[in-house]
Amino acid sequence: MRRKVAIVEDDRDLREAMSLMIQFTDNYELISAFQNAEEAIEELKDSDVDVVLMDINLPGESGIECVKKLKNLFPKLLFLMCTSYEDDDKIFQSLKAGASGYILKTDGPVKIINALDELFDGGSPMTSSIARKVVASFSKVDVNDSNVEMLTLREKEILNSLAKGRMNKEVANELDISIGTVRKHIQHIYEKLHVNTRVEAVNLYLKR
């Protein structure tokens, strides 16, 4: 059975290259390719698609937001993030939104097709460097978990806001403090929890 694929990629050359890659495989059938999230959300409502190859950095809504909205509409739809980003925040935001795999565009067509195969075998394909980041992040949870209780009430309030996906400016407005104060609190949180990113800090907070 040929699996039906949609692509969301704003770079025209890359979108066309990925489309050809899918068209030249035996196991997959290209249904549609979109240049932005808005088009994808509108058109895929009426399409019978099995998996979406999703870029993150799109004009307008991001690929992460696109995954979140489509996953709510079609819980069984699979998403493979295919991006240039190795940023911890984007990795975990993508997985939290509902992506089942995360690979880099530089991996090349063979690995992308292999990743699609793995998805339909029930796996969660990830570029090795991405997988290491995921493992490293979660391996710190048990070690640092008790440090969450060392945070002040204000620091916990800020972490709670960050866990809801709010940016520094939104946290400042919500708590009626300056952005500079938010940054200082976040830096203190990092120091107390022995972490380097807000994803790691939020993971510890949510798993306390």
N, C-alpha and C. Protein backbone atom coordinates (compact mmCIF):
# COMPACT_ATOMS: atom_id res chain seq x y z
N MET A 1 0.83 -1.19 0.00
CA MET A 1 0.00 0.00 0.00
C MET A 1 0.87 1.25 0.00
N ARG A 2 0.58 2.17 -0.89
CA ARG A 2 1.34 3.42 -0.95
C ARG A 2 0.79 4.43 0.05
N ARG A 3 1.67 4.95 0.89
CA ARG A 3 1.28 5.94 1.89
C ARG A 3 1.20 7.33 1.24
N LYS A 4 0.21 8.10 1.65
CA LYS A 4 -0.02 9.41 1.06
C LYS A 4 0.70 10.49 1.86
N VAL A 5 1.49 11.31 1.14
CA VAL A 5 2.38 12.29 1.78
C VAL A 5 2.02 13.71 1.36
N ALA A 6 2.09 14.62 2.33
CA ALA A 6 1.99 16.06 2.05
C ALA A 6 3.28 16.72 2.55
N ILE A 7 3.67 17.79 1.89
CA ILE A 7 4.90 18.51 2.25
C ILE A 7 4.54 19.96 2.57
N VAL A 8 5.11 20.50 3.63
CA VAL A 8 4.96 21.92 3.95
C VAL A 8 6.37 22.51 4.06
N GLU A 9 6.74 23.29 3.06
CA GLU A 9 8.11 23.84 2.95
C GLU A 9 8.04 25.14 2.15
N ASP A 10 8.58 26.22 2.71
CA ASP A 10 8.46 27.52 2.05
C ASP A 10 9.51 27.74 0.96
N ASP A 11 10.63 27.04 1.03
CA ASP A 11 11.66 27.20 0.00
C ASP A 11 11.24 26.43 -1.25
N ARG A 12 11.00 27.14 -2.35
CA ARG A 12 10.45 26.51 -3.54
C ARG A 12 11.34 25.41 -4.09
N ASP A 13 12.64 25.68 -4.19
CA ASP A 13 13.56 24.68 -4.75
C ASP A 13 13.56 23.41 -3.90
N LEU A 14 13.61 23.62 -2.60
CA LEU A 14 13.63 22.46 -1.70
C LEU A 14 12.30 21.73 -1.73
N ARG A 15 11.21 22.49 -1.81
CA ARG A 15 9.88 21.87 -1.88
C ARG A 15 9.76 21.00 -3.13
N GLU A 16 10.27 21.51 -4.25
CA GLU A 16 10.21 20.74 -5.49
C GLU A 16 11.11 19.51 -5.43
N ALA A 17 12.29 19.67 -4.80
CA ALA A 17 13.21 18.54 -4.67
C ALA A 17 12.60 17.44 -3.79
N MET A 18 11.97 17.85 -2.71
CA MET A 18 11.33 16.87 -1.82
C MET A 18 10.14 16.20 -2.51
N SER A 19 9.42 16.98 -3.32
CA SER A 19 8.29 16.41 -4.06
C SER A 19 8.77 15.34 -5.03
N LEU A 20 9.86 15.61 -5.75
CA LEU A 20 10.41 14.62 -6.67
C LEU A 20 10.90 13.39 -5.93
N MET A 21 11.50 13.61 -4.76
CA MET A 21 11.99 12.50 -3.95
C MET A 21 10.84 11.54 -3.62
N ILE A 22 9.70 12.10 -3.22
CA ILE A 22 8.55 11.27 -2.88
C ILE A 22 7.99 10.57 -4.12
N GLN A 23 7.93 11.31 -5.22
CA GLN A 23 7.35 10.76 -6.45
C GLN A 23 8.15 9.60 -7.02
N PHE A 24 9.45 9.58 -6.72
CA PHE A 24 10.31 8.52 -7.25
C PHE A 24 10.43 7.30 -6.32
N THR A 25 9.62 7.27 -5.28
CA THR A 25 9.63 6.11 -4.39
C THR A 25 8.42 5.23 -4.66
N ASP A 26 8.55 3.95 -4.36
CA ASP A 26 7.46 3.01 -4.62
C ASP A 26 6.42 3.00 -3.52
N ASN A 27 6.84 3.32 -2.29
CA ASN A 27 5.95 3.15 -1.15
C ASN A 27 5.12 4.39 -0.81
N TYR A 28 5.44 5.52 -1.47
CA TYR A 28 4.79 6.77 -1.10
C TYR A 28 4.23 7.49 -2.32
N GLU A 29 3.15 8.22 -2.05
CA GLU A 29 2.49 8.99 -3.10
C GLU A 29 2.34 10.43 -2.64
N LEU A 30 2.83 11.37 -3.44
CA LEU A 30 2.71 12.78 -3.09
C LEU A 30 1.29 13.27 -3.38
N ILE A 31 0.62 13.78 -2.36
CA ILE A 31 -0.73 14.29 -2.52
C ILE A 31 -0.72 15.80 -2.77
N SER A 32 0.11 16.50 -2.00
CA SER A 32 0.16 17.96 -2.13
C SER A 32 1.40 18.52 -1.47
N ALA A 33 1.79 19.73 -1.89
CA ALA A 33 2.93 20.43 -1.31
C ALA A 33 2.52 21.89 -1.10
N PHE A 34 2.80 22.41 0.09
CA PHE A 34 2.37 23.76 0.45
C PHE A 34 3.56 24.63 0.84
N GLN A 35 3.41 25.94 0.61
CA GLN A 35 4.49 26.87 0.93
C GLN A 35 4.32 27.53 2.30
N ASN A 36 3.17 27.35 2.94
CA ASN A 36 2.99 27.92 4.28
C ASN A 36 1.98 27.11 5.08
N ALA A 37 1.92 27.39 6.37
CA ALA A 37 1.06 26.63 7.27
C ALA A 37 -0.41 26.88 6.99
N GLU A 38 -0.75 28.13 6.66
CA GLU A 38 -2.15 28.49 6.45
C GLU A 38 -2.76 27.68 5.30
N GLU A 39 -2.02 27.58 4.19
CA GLU A 39 -2.49 26.78 3.05
C GLU A 39 -2.67 25.32 3.45
N ALA A 40 -1.69 24.81 4.18
CA ALA A 40 -1.73 23.40 4.58
C ALA A 40 -2.94 23.11 5.45
N ILE A 41 -3.19 23.96 6.44
CA ILE A 41 -4.31 23.74 7.36
C ILE A 41 -5.63 23.75 6.60
N GLU A 42 -5.77 24.69 5.68
CA GLU A 42 -7.02 24.82 4.92
C GLU A 42 -7.24 23.64 3.98
N GLU A 43 -6.19 23.28 3.24
CA GLU A 43 -6.34 22.25 2.22
C GLU A 43 -6.38 20.83 2.80
N LEU A 44 -5.62 20.60 3.86
CA LEU A 44 -5.54 19.25 4.40
C LEU A 44 -6.79 18.84 5.16
N LYS A 45 -7.67 19.80 5.43
CA LYS A 45 -8.94 19.47 6.08
C LYS A 45 -9.76 18.51 5.22
N ASP A 46 -9.58 18.62 3.91
CA ASP A 46 -10.36 17.80 2.98
C ASP A 46 -9.51 16.77 2.24
N SER A 47 -8.28 16.55 2.71
CA SER A 47 -7.39 15.61 2.03
C SER A 47 -7.19 14.35 2.85
N ASP A 48 -6.99 13.26 2.16
CA ASP A 48 -6.74 11.98 2.81
C ASP A 48 -5.24 11.73 2.80
N VAL A 49 -4.57 12.19 3.84
CA VAL A 49 -3.11 12.12 3.92
C VAL A 49 -2.69 11.29 5.12
N ASP A 50 -1.60 10.53 4.98
CA ASP A 50 -1.10 9.69 6.07
C ASP A 50 0.01 10.36 6.88
N VAL A 51 0.83 11.16 6.20
CA VAL A 51 1.98 11.76 6.88
C VAL A 51 2.30 13.11 6.24
N VAL A 52 2.81 14.02 7.07
CA VAL A 52 3.20 15.34 6.59
C VAL A 52 4.67 15.57 6.91
N LEU A 53 5.44 15.94 5.88
CA LEU A 53 6.81 16.39 6.08
C LEU A 53 6.75 17.87 6.35
N MET A 54 7.16 18.30 7.54
CA MET A 54 6.90 19.67 7.99
C MET A 54 8.18 20.45 8.29
N ASP A 55 8.30 21.60 7.65
CA ASP A 55 9.37 22.54 7.99
C ASP A 55 8.93 23.33 9.22
N ILE A 56 9.87 23.94 9.93
CA ILE A 56 9.52 24.73 11.12
C ILE A 56 9.42 26.22 10.79
N ASN A 57 10.45 26.75 10.15
CA ASN A 57 10.51 28.19 9.90
C ASN A 57 9.71 28.55 8.65
N LEU A 58 8.43 28.82 8.82
CA LEU A 58 7.55 29.16 7.71
C LEU A 58 7.09 30.61 7.82
N PRO A 59 6.75 31.24 6.71
CA PRO A 59 6.18 32.58 6.79
C PRO A 59 4.80 32.50 7.44
N GLY A 60 4.46 33.45 8.28
CA GLY A 60 3.19 33.36 9.00
C GLY A 60 3.32 32.40 10.16
N GLU A 61 2.35 31.51 10.30
CA GLU A 61 2.39 30.54 11.38
C GLU A 61 3.54 29.56 11.19
N SER A 62 4.14 29.15 12.29
CA SER A 62 5.28 28.22 12.22
C SER A 62 4.80 26.81 11.96
N GLY A 63 5.75 25.96 11.57
CA GLY A 63 5.44 24.56 11.37
C GLY A 63 4.97 23.89 12.65
N ILE A 64 5.47 24.36 13.79
CA ILE A 64 5.07 23.80 15.08
C ILE A 64 3.60 24.07 15.34
N GLU A 65 3.16 25.31 15.07
CA GLU A 65 1.75 25.65 15.23
C GLU A 65 0.88 24.87 14.26
N CYS A 66 1.41 24.67 13.07
CA CYS A 66 0.68 23.91 12.05
C CYS A 66 0.45 22.47 12.51
N VAL A 67 1.49 21.86 13.06
CA VAL A 67 1.38 20.49 13.59
C VAL A 67 0.33 20.44 14.69
N LYS A 68 0.39 21.40 15.60
CA LYS A 68 -0.54 21.41 16.73
C LYS A 68 -2.00 21.47 16.26
N LYS A 69 -2.27 22.34 15.30
CA LYS A 69 -3.65 22.50 14.81
C LYS A 69 -4.12 21.27 14.03
N LEU A 70 -3.26 20.76 13.16
CA LEU A 70 -3.65 19.60 12.37
C LEU A 70 -3.78 18.34 13.23
N LYS A 71 -2.94 18.24 14.26
CA LYS A 71 -3.00 17.07 15.15
C LYS A 71 -4.32 17.07 15.92
N ASN A 72 -4.80 18.25 16.27
CA ASN A 72 -6.09 18.35 16.95
C ASN A 72 -7.23 17.90 16.03
N LEU A 73 -7.09 18.21 14.74
CA LEU A 73 -8.12 17.84 13.77
C LEU A 73 -8.03 16.37 13.39
N PHE A 74 -6.78 15.89 13.24
CA PHE A 74 -6.55 14.51 12.79
C PHE A 74 -5.54 13.82 13.71
N PRO A 75 -5.99 13.30 14.83
CA PRO A 75 -5.07 12.70 15.83
C PRO A 75 -4.18 11.59 15.28
N LYS A 76 -4.64 10.88 14.26
CA LYS A 76 -3.85 9.76 13.72
C LYS A 76 -2.85 10.19 12.65
N LEU A 77 -2.93 11.43 12.21
CA LEU A 77 -2.00 11.93 11.19
C LEU A 77 -0.59 12.00 11.74
N LEU A 78 0.40 11.49 10.99
CA LEU A 78 1.79 11.50 11.43
C LEU A 78 2.52 12.72 10.89
N PHE A 79 3.45 13.23 11.69
CA PHE A 79 4.24 14.40 11.30
C PHE A 79 5.72 14.11 11.48
N LEU A 80 6.49 14.37 10.44
CA LEU A 80 7.93 14.26 10.49
C LEU A 80 8.51 15.64 10.26
N MET A 81 9.11 16.21 11.29
CA MET A 81 9.73 17.52 11.15
C MET A 81 11.00 17.35 10.32
N CYS A 82 11.13 18.15 9.29
CA CYS A 82 12.31 18.10 8.41
C CYS A 82 12.83 19.51 8.30
N THR A 83 13.84 19.84 9.09
CA THR A 83 14.21 21.22 9.29
C THR A 83 15.72 21.42 9.38
N SER A 84 16.12 22.66 9.50
CA SER A 84 17.54 22.99 9.64
C SER A 84 17.92 23.22 11.10
N TYR A 85 16.92 23.24 11.99
CA TYR A 85 17.14 23.64 13.37
C TYR A 85 17.51 22.46 14.28
N GLU A 86 18.56 22.68 15.09
CA GLU A 86 18.91 21.73 16.15
C GLU A 86 18.70 22.35 17.52
N ASP A 87 17.94 23.43 17.55
CA ASP A 87 17.68 24.16 18.78
C ASP A 87 16.81 23.33 19.73
N ASP A 88 17.22 23.25 21.01
CA ASP A 88 16.50 22.43 21.99
C ASP A 88 15.03 22.83 22.09
N ASP A 89 14.76 24.14 22.16
CA ASP A 89 13.38 24.60 22.30
C ASP A 89 12.52 24.10 21.16
N LYS A 90 13.01 24.24 19.94
CA LYS A 90 12.22 23.85 18.77
C LYS A 90 12.01 22.34 18.71
N ILE A 91 13.02 21.59 19.13
CA ILE A 91 12.88 20.13 19.15
C ILE A 91 11.73 19.74 20.06
N PHE A 92 11.76 20.24 21.30
CA PHE A 92 10.76 19.81 22.27
C PHE A 92 9.38 20.42 22.00
N GLN A 93 9.36 21.62 21.46
CA GLN A 93 8.07 22.21 21.08
C GLN A 93 7.42 21.38 19.98
N SER A 94 8.24 20.91 19.04
CA SER A 94 7.73 20.09 17.93
C SER A 94 7.16 18.77 18.45
N LEU A 95 7.90 18.11 19.31
CA LEU A 95 7.46 16.83 19.85
C LEU A 95 6.23 17.00 20.72
N LYS A 96 6.19 18.09 21.49
CA LYS A 96 5.03 18.36 22.33
C LYS A 96 3.79 18.65 21.48
N ALA A 97 3.99 19.31 20.33
CA ALA A 97 2.88 19.65 19.45
C ALA A 97 2.26 18.41 18.80
N GLY A 98 3.05 17.34 18.70
CA GLY A 98 2.51 16.11 18.13
C GLY A 98 3.35 15.47 17.05
N ALA A 99 4.55 16.02 16.80
CA ALA A 99 5.42 15.40 15.80
C ALA A 99 5.93 14.05 16.32
N SER A 100 6.07 13.10 15.41
CA SER A 100 6.54 11.76 15.79
C SER A 100 8.01 11.55 15.47
N GLY A 101 8.60 12.46 14.71
CA GLY A 101 10.01 12.35 14.35
C GLY A 101 10.59 13.71 14.03
N TYR A 102 11.92 13.81 14.08
CA TYR A 102 12.58 15.10 13.89
C TYR A 102 13.93 14.83 13.22
N ILE A 103 14.04 15.20 11.95
CA ILE A 103 15.29 14.99 11.23
C ILE A 103 15.73 16.29 10.56
N LEU A 104 16.98 16.31 10.15
CA LEU A 104 17.55 17.50 9.53
C LEU A 104 17.52 17.39 8.01
N LYS A 105 17.32 18.52 7.35
CA LYS A 105 17.28 18.53 5.88
C LYS A 105 18.60 18.04 5.30
N THR A 106 19.68 18.29 6.02
CA THR A 106 21.00 17.90 5.54
C THR A 106 21.22 16.39 5.57
N ASP A 107 20.28 15.65 6.17
CA ASP A 107 20.41 14.19 6.21
C ASP A 107 20.32 13.57 4.82
N GLY A 108 19.64 14.26 3.91
CA GLY A 108 19.55 13.76 2.54
C GLY A 108 18.33 12.89 2.30
N PRO A 109 18.00 12.66 1.03
CA PRO A 109 16.76 11.96 0.65
C PRO A 109 16.67 10.53 1.15
N VAL A 110 17.76 9.79 1.14
CA VAL A 110 17.71 8.39 1.57
C VAL A 110 17.29 8.30 3.04
N LYS A 111 17.89 9.13 3.88
CA LYS A 111 17.56 9.09 5.30
C LYS A 111 16.14 9.60 5.56
N ILE A 112 15.69 10.54 4.75
CA ILE A 112 14.32 11.03 4.92
C ILE A 112 13.32 9.93 4.60
N ILE A 113 13.55 9.21 3.52
CA ILE A 113 12.67 8.09 3.16
C ILE A 113 12.74 7.00 4.23
N ASN A 114 13.95 6.72 4.71
CA ASN A 114 14.10 5.72 5.78
C ASN A 114 13.34 6.15 7.03
N ALA A 115 13.36 7.47 7.30
CA ALA A 115 12.65 7.99 8.47
C ALA A 115 11.14 7.79 8.31
N LEU A 116 10.64 8.00 7.10
CA LEU A 116 9.22 7.76 6.84
C LEU A 116 8.87 6.28 7.05
N ASP A 117 9.74 5.41 6.56
CA ASP A 117 9.52 3.97 6.76
C ASP A 117 9.45 3.65 8.26
N GLU A 118 10.36 4.24 9.01
CA GLU A 118 10.41 3.97 10.45
C GLU A 118 9.15 4.46 11.15
N LEU A 119 8.64 5.62 10.70
CA LEU A 119 7.40 6.16 11.27
C LEU A 119 6.27 5.14 11.16
N PHE A 120 6.13 4.57 9.97
CA PHE A 120 5.02 3.64 9.74
C PHE A 120 5.27 2.26 10.35
N ASP A 121 6.49 2.05 10.82
CA ASP A 121 6.79 0.83 11.57
C ASP A 121 6.58 1.04 13.06
N GLY A 122 6.10 2.24 13.41
CA GLY A 122 5.82 2.54 14.82
C GLY A 122 6.95 3.23 15.55
N GLY A 123 8.00 3.63 14.83
CA GLY A 123 9.14 4.26 15.46
C GLY A 123 9.03 5.78 15.52
N SER A 124 10.04 6.40 16.13
CA SER A 124 10.13 7.86 16.21
C SER A 124 11.51 8.27 15.70
N PRO A 125 11.67 8.36 14.38
CA PRO A 125 12.98 8.62 13.81
C PRO A 125 13.53 9.99 14.17
N MET A 126 14.80 10.02 14.51
CA MET A 126 15.47 11.28 14.81
C MET A 126 16.90 11.23 14.31
N THR A 127 17.38 12.34 13.78
CA THR A 127 18.79 12.46 13.47
C THR A 127 19.58 12.18 14.74
N SER A 128 20.72 11.52 14.63
CA SER A 128 21.47 11.10 15.82
C SER A 128 21.79 12.27 16.75
N SER A 129 22.14 13.42 16.19
CA SER A 129 22.47 14.58 17.03
C SER A 129 21.24 15.07 17.78
N ILE A 130 20.06 14.96 17.16
CA ILE A 130 18.82 15.35 17.81
C ILE A 130 18.49 14.36 18.93
N ALA A 131 18.63 13.08 18.65
CA ALA A 131 18.35 12.06 19.66
C ALA A 131 19.23 12.24 20.90
N ARG A 132 20.48 12.62 20.69
CA ARG A 132 21.39 12.85 21.82
C ARG A 132 20.91 14.00 22.69
N LYS A 133 20.39 15.04 22.05
CA LYS A 133 19.88 16.19 22.81
C LYS A 133 18.68 15.78 23.65
N VAL A 134 17.81 14.95 23.07
CA VAL A 134 16.63 14.49 23.81
C VAL A 134 17.05 13.65 25.01
N VAL A 135 17.94 12.71 24.78
CA VAL A 135 18.41 11.84 25.87
C VAL A 135 19.11 12.66 26.94
N ALA A 136 19.96 13.60 26.53
CA ALA A 136 20.71 14.43 27.49
C ALA A 136 19.77 15.24 28.35
N SER A 137 18.71 15.76 27.72
CA SER A 137 17.75 16.58 28.46
C SER A 137 17.05 15.78 29.54
N PHE A 138 16.55 14.59 29.17
CA PHE A 138 15.79 13.82 30.14
C PHE A 138 16.68 13.12 31.16
N SER A 139 17.93 12.92 30.84
CA SER A 139 18.84 12.27 31.79
C SER A 139 19.15 13.18 32.97
N LYS A 140 18.92 14.47 32.80
CA LYS A 140 19.20 15.42 33.88
C LYS A 140 18.04 15.57 34.84
N VAL A 141 16.87 15.04 34.46
CA VAL A 141 15.68 15.28 35.27
C VAL A 141 15.81 14.73 36.68
N ASP A 142 16.20 13.44 36.82
CA ASP A 142 16.29 12.83 38.14
C ASP A 142 17.34 13.50 39.00
N VAL A 143 18.46 13.88 38.38
CA VAL A 143 19.56 14.47 39.13
C VAL A 143 19.15 15.81 39.72
N ASN A 144 18.41 16.61 38.94
CA ASN A 144 18.13 17.99 39.34
C ASN A 144 16.74 18.20 39.90
N ASP A 145 15.93 17.15 39.96
CA ASP A 145 14.53 17.31 40.32
C ASP A 145 14.34 17.99 41.67
N SER A 146 15.10 17.59 42.66
CA SER A 146 14.92 18.15 44.00
C SER A 146 15.26 19.63 44.05
N ASN A 147 16.06 20.10 43.11
CA ASN A 147 16.45 21.51 43.11
C ASN A 147 15.28 22.43 42.81
N VAL A 148 14.22 21.90 42.22
CA VAL A 148 13.04 22.73 41.93
C VAL A 148 12.48 23.32 43.22
N GLU A 149 12.53 22.53 44.30
CA GLU A 149 11.98 23.00 45.56
C GLU A 149 12.80 24.14 46.17
N MET A 150 13.99 24.38 45.64
CA MET A 150 14.83 25.47 46.13
C MET A 150 14.45 26.81 45.51
N LEU A 151 13.60 26.78 44.50
CA LEU A 151 13.21 28.01 43.82
C LEU A 151 12.30 28.85 44.70
N THR A 152 12.39 30.17 44.52
CA THR A 152 11.50 31.08 45.25
C THR A 152 10.11 31.02 44.63
N LEU A 153 9.13 31.58 45.33
CA LEU A 153 7.76 31.61 44.81
C LEU A 153 7.70 32.34 43.48
N ARG A 154 8.43 33.46 43.36
CA ARG A 154 8.43 34.23 42.11
C ARG A 154 9.05 33.41 40.97
N GLU A 155 10.14 32.70 41.27
CA GLU A 155 10.79 31.88 40.24
C GLU A 155 9.85 30.76 39.77
N LYS A 156 9.09 30.19 40.70
CA LYS A 156 8.12 29.15 40.32
C LYS A 156 7.00 29.75 39.48
N GLU A 157 6.59 30.97 39.79
CA GLU A 157 5.55 31.64 39.00
C GLU A 157 6.03 31.85 37.56
N ILE A 158 7.30 32.24 37.43
CA ILE A 158 7.86 32.47 36.10
C ILE A 158 7.98 31.15 35.34
N LEU A 159 8.43 30.11 36.02
CA LEU A 159 8.53 28.80 35.38
C LEU A 159 7.15 28.30 34.94
N ASN A 160 6.15 28.55 35.76
CA ASN A 160 4.79 28.15 35.41
C ASN A 160 4.33 28.85 34.14
N SER A 161 4.68 30.13 34.00
CA SER A 161 4.33 30.88 32.79
C SER A 161 5.09 30.36 31.58
N LEU A 162 6.37 30.06 31.77
CA LEU A 162 7.18 29.52 30.67
C LEU A 162 6.63 28.17 30.23
N ALA A 163 6.14 27.38 31.18
CA ALA A 163 5.60 26.06 30.86
C ALA A 163 4.34 26.17 29.99
N LYS A 164 3.69 27.33 30.03
CA LYS A 164 2.50 27.56 29.21
C LYS A 164 2.86 28.12 27.84
N GLY A 165 4.18 28.23 27.57
CA GLY A 165 4.63 28.67 26.26
C GLY A 165 4.75 30.18 26.12
N ARG A 166 4.69 30.91 27.24
CA ARG A 166 4.74 32.36 27.16
C ARG A 166 6.18 32.84 26.98
N MET A 167 6.33 33.94 26.22
CA MET A 167 7.64 34.55 26.02
C MET A 167 7.93 35.51 27.17
N ASN A 168 9.18 36.02 27.23
CA ASN A 168 9.59 36.89 28.34
C ASN A 168 8.69 38.11 28.50
N LYS A 169 8.33 38.73 27.39
CA LYS A 169 7.48 39.92 27.44
C LYS A 169 6.11 39.59 28.02
N GLU A 170 5.56 38.44 27.63
CA GLU A 170 4.25 38.03 28.13
C GLU A 170 4.31 37.71 29.62
N VAL A 171 5.42 37.09 30.05
CA VAL A 171 5.60 36.79 31.47
C VAL A 171 5.67 38.09 32.27
N ALA A 172 6.42 39.06 31.73
CA ALA A 172 6.55 40.36 32.40
C ALA A 172 5.20 41.04 32.56
N ASN A 173 4.40 41.01 31.52
CA ASN A 173 3.07 41.64 31.57
C ASN A 173 2.16 40.91 32.56
N GLU A 174 2.23 39.59 32.55
CA GLU A 174 1.37 38.80 33.43
C GLU A 174 1.69 39.03 34.90
N LEU A 175 2.98 39.15 35.21
CA LEU A 175 3.41 39.29 36.60
C LEU A 175 3.66 40.74 37.01
N ASP A 176 3.45 41.66 36.04
CA ASP A 176 3.61 43.10 36.28
C ASP A 176 5.03 43.43 36.76
N ILE A 177 6.02 42.87 36.06
CA ILE A 177 7.42 43.18 36.33
C ILE A 177 8.10 43.49 34.99
N SER A 178 9.34 43.98 35.05
CA SER A 178 10.03 44.35 33.82
C SER A 178 10.61 43.11 33.14
N ILE A 179 10.89 43.26 31.83
CA ILE A 179 11.51 42.15 31.09
C ILE A 179 12.89 41.85 31.67
N GLY A 180 13.60 42.90 32.07
CA GLY A 180 14.93 42.71 32.66
C GLY A 180 14.86 41.87 33.93
N THR A 181 13.82 42.10 34.73
CA THR A 181 13.64 41.32 35.96
C THR A 181 13.33 39.87 35.63
N VAL A 182 12.52 39.66 34.60
CA VAL A 182 12.21 38.30 34.15
C VAL A 182 13.50 37.58 33.76
N ARG A 183 14.34 38.27 32.99
CA ARG A 183 15.60 37.65 32.53
C ARG A 183 16.48 37.27 33.72
N LYS A 184 16.55 38.16 34.72
CA LYS A 184 17.38 37.87 35.90
C LYS A 184 16.85 36.65 36.65
N HIS A 185 15.53 36.58 36.78
CA HIS A 185 14.93 35.42 37.46
C HIS A 185 15.21 34.13 36.69
N ILE A 186 15.10 34.20 35.36
CA ILE A 186 15.36 33.02 34.54
C ILE A 186 16.81 32.57 34.69
N GLN A 187 17.72 33.53 34.72
CA GLN A 187 19.14 33.19 34.91
C GLN A 187 19.36 32.51 36.26
N HIS A 188 18.68 33.00 37.31
CA HIS A 188 18.80 32.39 38.63
C HIS A 188 18.20 30.98 38.62
N ILE A 189 17.11 30.82 37.88
CA ILE A 189 16.49 29.49 37.76
C ILE A 189 17.47 28.51 37.11
N TYR A 190 18.11 28.95 36.03
CA TYR A 190 19.10 28.10 35.35
C TYR A 190 20.21 27.68 36.31
N GLU A 191 20.69 28.65 37.10
CA GLU A 191 21.80 28.37 38.03
C GLU A 191 21.38 27.38 39.10
N LYS A 192 20.17 27.55 39.64
CA LYS A 192 19.71 26.66 40.72
C LYS A 192 19.42 25.25 40.21
N LEU A 193 18.91 25.16 38.98
CA LEU A 193 18.56 23.85 38.43
C LEU A 193 19.70 23.20 37.65
N HIS A 194 20.78 23.96 37.46
CA HIS A 194 21.94 23.48 36.70
C HIS A 194 21.55 23.08 35.28
N VAL A 195 20.81 23.97 34.61
CA VAL A 195 20.39 23.74 33.23
C VAL A 195 20.82 24.93 32.39
N ASN A 196 20.68 24.78 31.07
CA ASN A 196 21.12 25.84 30.15
C ASN A 196 20.01 26.39 29.27
N THR A 197 18.86 25.73 29.25
CA THR A 197 17.77 26.19 28.39
C THR A 197 16.45 26.17 29.14
N ARG A 198 15.48 26.93 28.63
CA ARG A 198 14.17 26.96 29.28
C ARG A 198 13.45 25.62 29.11
N VAL A 199 13.75 24.88 28.03
CA VAL A 199 13.14 23.56 27.86
C VAL A 199 13.54 22.64 29.01
N GLU A 200 14.82 22.63 29.35
CA GLU A 200 15.29 21.79 30.45
C GLU A 200 14.66 22.23 31.77
N ALA A 201 14.58 23.55 31.97
CA ALA A 201 14.00 24.08 33.22
C ALA A 201 12.52 23.71 33.33
N VAL A 202 11.79 23.87 32.25
CA VAL A 202 10.36 23.55 32.24
C VAL A 202 10.15 22.05 32.45
N ASN A 203 10.99 21.23 31.82
CA ASN A 203 10.87 19.77 32.01
C ASN A 203 11.01 19.39 33.48
N LEU A 204 11.99 19.98 34.16
CA LEU A 204 12.19 19.71 35.57
C LEU A 204 10.98 20.17 36.37
N TYR A 205 10.49 21.34 36.05
CA TYR A 205 9.35 21.91 36.80
C TYR A 205 8.10 21.04 36.65
N LEU A 206 7.82 20.60 35.41
CA LEU A 206 6.62 19.81 35.16
C LEU A 206 6.73 18.41 35.73
N LYS A 207 7.96 17.89 35.88
CA LYS A 207 8.15 16.52 36.37
C LYS A 207 8.47 16.46 37.87
N ARG A 208 8.37 17.61 38.55
CA ARG A 208 8.75 17.64 39.97
C ARG A 208 7.82 16.77 40.81
